N, C-alpha and C. Protein backbone atom coordinates (compact mmCIF):
# COMPACT_ATOMS: atom_id res chain seq x y z
N MET A 1 5.29 0.18 16.55
CA MET A 1 4.30 0.02 15.53
C MET A 1 4.52 0.98 14.37
N PHE A 2 5.06 2.13 14.63
CA PHE A 2 5.31 3.12 13.58
C PHE A 2 6.13 2.53 12.44
N ASP A 3 7.13 1.73 12.79
CA ASP A 3 8.01 1.15 11.78
C ASP A 3 7.32 0.08 10.93
N HIS A 4 6.21 -0.44 11.40
CA HIS A 4 5.53 -1.51 10.67
C HIS A 4 4.56 -0.99 9.61
N ALA A 5 4.13 0.24 9.71
CA ALA A 5 3.11 0.78 8.81
C ALA A 5 3.50 0.67 7.33
N PRO A 6 4.70 1.08 6.94
CA PRO A 6 5.04 0.96 5.51
C PRO A 6 5.04 -0.49 5.03
N HIS A 7 5.45 -1.39 5.90
CA HIS A 7 5.51 -2.80 5.52
C HIS A 7 4.12 -3.40 5.37
N ALA A 8 3.19 -3.00 6.20
CA ALA A 8 1.83 -3.53 6.12
C ALA A 8 1.19 -3.17 4.78
N ALA A 9 1.39 -1.96 4.32
CA ALA A 9 0.84 -1.56 3.03
C ALA A 9 1.46 -2.37 1.90
N THR A 10 2.75 -2.60 1.98
CA THR A 10 3.44 -3.38 0.94
C THR A 10 2.97 -4.83 0.95
N TYR A 11 2.83 -5.44 2.12
CA TYR A 11 2.38 -6.83 2.20
C TYR A 11 0.98 -6.99 1.66
N ALA A 12 0.10 -6.05 1.95
CA ALA A 12 -1.27 -6.13 1.43
C ALA A 12 -1.27 -6.04 -0.09
N ALA A 13 -0.48 -5.14 -0.62
CA ALA A 13 -0.40 -5.00 -2.08
C ALA A 13 0.18 -6.25 -2.72
N ARG A 14 1.18 -6.83 -2.10
CA ARG A 14 1.77 -8.06 -2.63
C ARG A 14 0.77 -9.20 -2.60
N ALA A 15 0.02 -9.30 -1.53
CA ALA A 15 -0.97 -10.37 -1.41
C ALA A 15 -1.99 -10.27 -2.53
N VAL A 16 -2.41 -9.08 -2.87
CA VAL A 16 -3.34 -8.89 -3.97
C VAL A 16 -2.70 -9.33 -5.28
N GLY A 17 -1.44 -9.00 -5.45
CA GLY A 17 -0.73 -9.37 -6.67
C GLY A 17 -0.52 -10.86 -6.82
N LEU A 18 -0.53 -11.59 -5.72
CA LEU A 18 -0.30 -13.03 -5.77
C LEU A 18 -1.50 -13.82 -6.28
N ASN A 19 -2.65 -13.18 -6.38
CA ASN A 19 -3.83 -13.92 -6.82
C ASN A 19 -3.89 -14.09 -8.33
N GLY A 20 -2.84 -13.67 -9.04
CA GLY A 20 -2.77 -13.90 -10.47
C GLY A 20 -3.08 -12.70 -11.32
N ASP A 21 -3.50 -11.59 -10.72
CA ASP A 21 -3.82 -10.40 -11.50
C ASP A 21 -2.60 -9.56 -11.83
N GLY A 22 -1.49 -9.86 -11.19
CA GLY A 22 -0.24 -9.20 -11.50
C GLY A 22 -0.12 -7.75 -11.10
N LYS A 23 0.67 -7.03 -11.88
CA LYS A 23 1.03 -5.65 -11.57
C LYS A 23 -0.18 -4.71 -11.52
N ALA A 24 -1.16 -4.94 -12.37
CA ALA A 24 -2.34 -4.07 -12.37
C ALA A 24 -3.07 -4.15 -11.03
N ALA A 25 -3.20 -5.34 -10.48
CA ALA A 25 -3.87 -5.51 -9.19
C ALA A 25 -3.06 -4.85 -8.08
N LEU A 26 -1.74 -4.97 -8.16
CA LEU A 26 -0.88 -4.36 -7.15
C LEU A 26 -1.04 -2.84 -7.19
N GLU A 27 -1.02 -2.25 -8.37
CA GLU A 27 -1.17 -0.81 -8.49
C GLU A 27 -2.55 -0.34 -8.04
N THR A 28 -3.57 -1.12 -8.32
CA THR A 28 -4.93 -0.78 -7.89
C THR A 28 -5.02 -0.80 -6.37
N GLU A 29 -4.41 -1.80 -5.75
CA GLU A 29 -4.43 -1.90 -4.29
C GLU A 29 -3.68 -0.73 -3.66
N ARG A 30 -2.52 -0.40 -4.19
CA ARG A 30 -1.74 0.72 -3.63
C ARG A 30 -2.51 2.03 -3.77
N ALA A 31 -3.18 2.22 -4.90
CA ALA A 31 -3.97 3.44 -5.10
C ALA A 31 -5.12 3.49 -4.11
N TRP A 32 -5.77 2.35 -3.87
CA TRP A 32 -6.87 2.30 -2.91
C TRP A 32 -6.37 2.65 -1.51
N GLN A 33 -5.23 2.07 -1.13
CA GLN A 33 -4.66 2.36 0.19
C GLN A 33 -4.38 3.85 0.32
N TRP A 34 -3.76 4.44 -0.69
CA TRP A 34 -3.42 5.86 -0.65
C TRP A 34 -4.66 6.72 -0.47
N GLU A 35 -5.68 6.46 -1.26
CA GLU A 35 -6.91 7.26 -1.23
C GLU A 35 -7.69 7.10 0.08
N ASN A 36 -7.59 5.96 0.72
CA ASN A 36 -8.37 5.69 1.93
C ASN A 36 -7.61 5.94 3.22
N LEU A 37 -6.38 6.33 3.10
CA LEU A 37 -5.56 6.63 4.27
C LEU A 37 -5.65 8.12 4.59
N ALA A 38 -5.73 8.44 5.86
CA ALA A 38 -5.76 9.85 6.27
C ALA A 38 -4.52 10.55 5.72
N PRO A 39 -4.69 11.72 5.11
CA PRO A 39 -3.56 12.43 4.50
C PRO A 39 -2.37 12.61 5.43
N GLU A 40 -2.62 12.83 6.70
CA GLU A 40 -1.51 13.05 7.63
C GLU A 40 -0.71 11.77 7.90
N LEU A 41 -1.23 10.61 7.52
CA LEU A 41 -0.52 9.34 7.72
C LEU A 41 0.18 8.84 6.45
N ARG A 42 -0.08 9.47 5.34
CA ARG A 42 0.48 8.99 4.07
C ARG A 42 2.00 8.96 4.08
N SER A 43 2.63 9.95 4.65
CA SER A 43 4.10 9.97 4.65
C SER A 43 4.67 8.87 5.53
N ILE A 44 3.89 8.38 6.47
CA ILE A 44 4.34 7.29 7.34
C ILE A 44 4.20 5.95 6.62
N CYS A 45 3.05 5.72 6.01
CA CYS A 45 2.79 4.44 5.35
C CYS A 45 3.41 4.36 3.96
N PHE A 46 3.62 5.50 3.35
CA PHE A 46 4.22 5.55 2.01
C PHE A 46 5.40 6.52 2.05
N PRO A 47 6.49 6.13 2.71
CA PRO A 47 7.61 7.05 2.87
C PRO A 47 8.25 7.48 1.54
N LYS A 48 8.06 6.70 0.49
CA LYS A 48 8.63 7.06 -0.82
C LYS A 48 7.58 7.72 -1.71
N GLY A 49 6.42 8.02 -1.16
CA GLY A 49 5.34 8.60 -1.93
C GLY A 49 4.48 7.54 -2.55
N ARG A 50 3.50 7.99 -3.27
CA ARG A 50 2.55 7.06 -3.87
C ARG A 50 3.25 6.27 -4.93
C-alpha cells in the first residue's frame, strides 16, 4: 500500500481536472491534499514535494 499513496493523490487531482476546470482545479486539489494530510505522511504521498 505504501507504493500506492503517491498515485492516489495524483489520480484524485487528475479527476478534478477532468471536470473542465483545468489546471487551476488541479492545483487547488493538490493544495487541499497537502494541507489536509498529516505532515509526517507528506513525503510519502508527495515524494517530489508540493
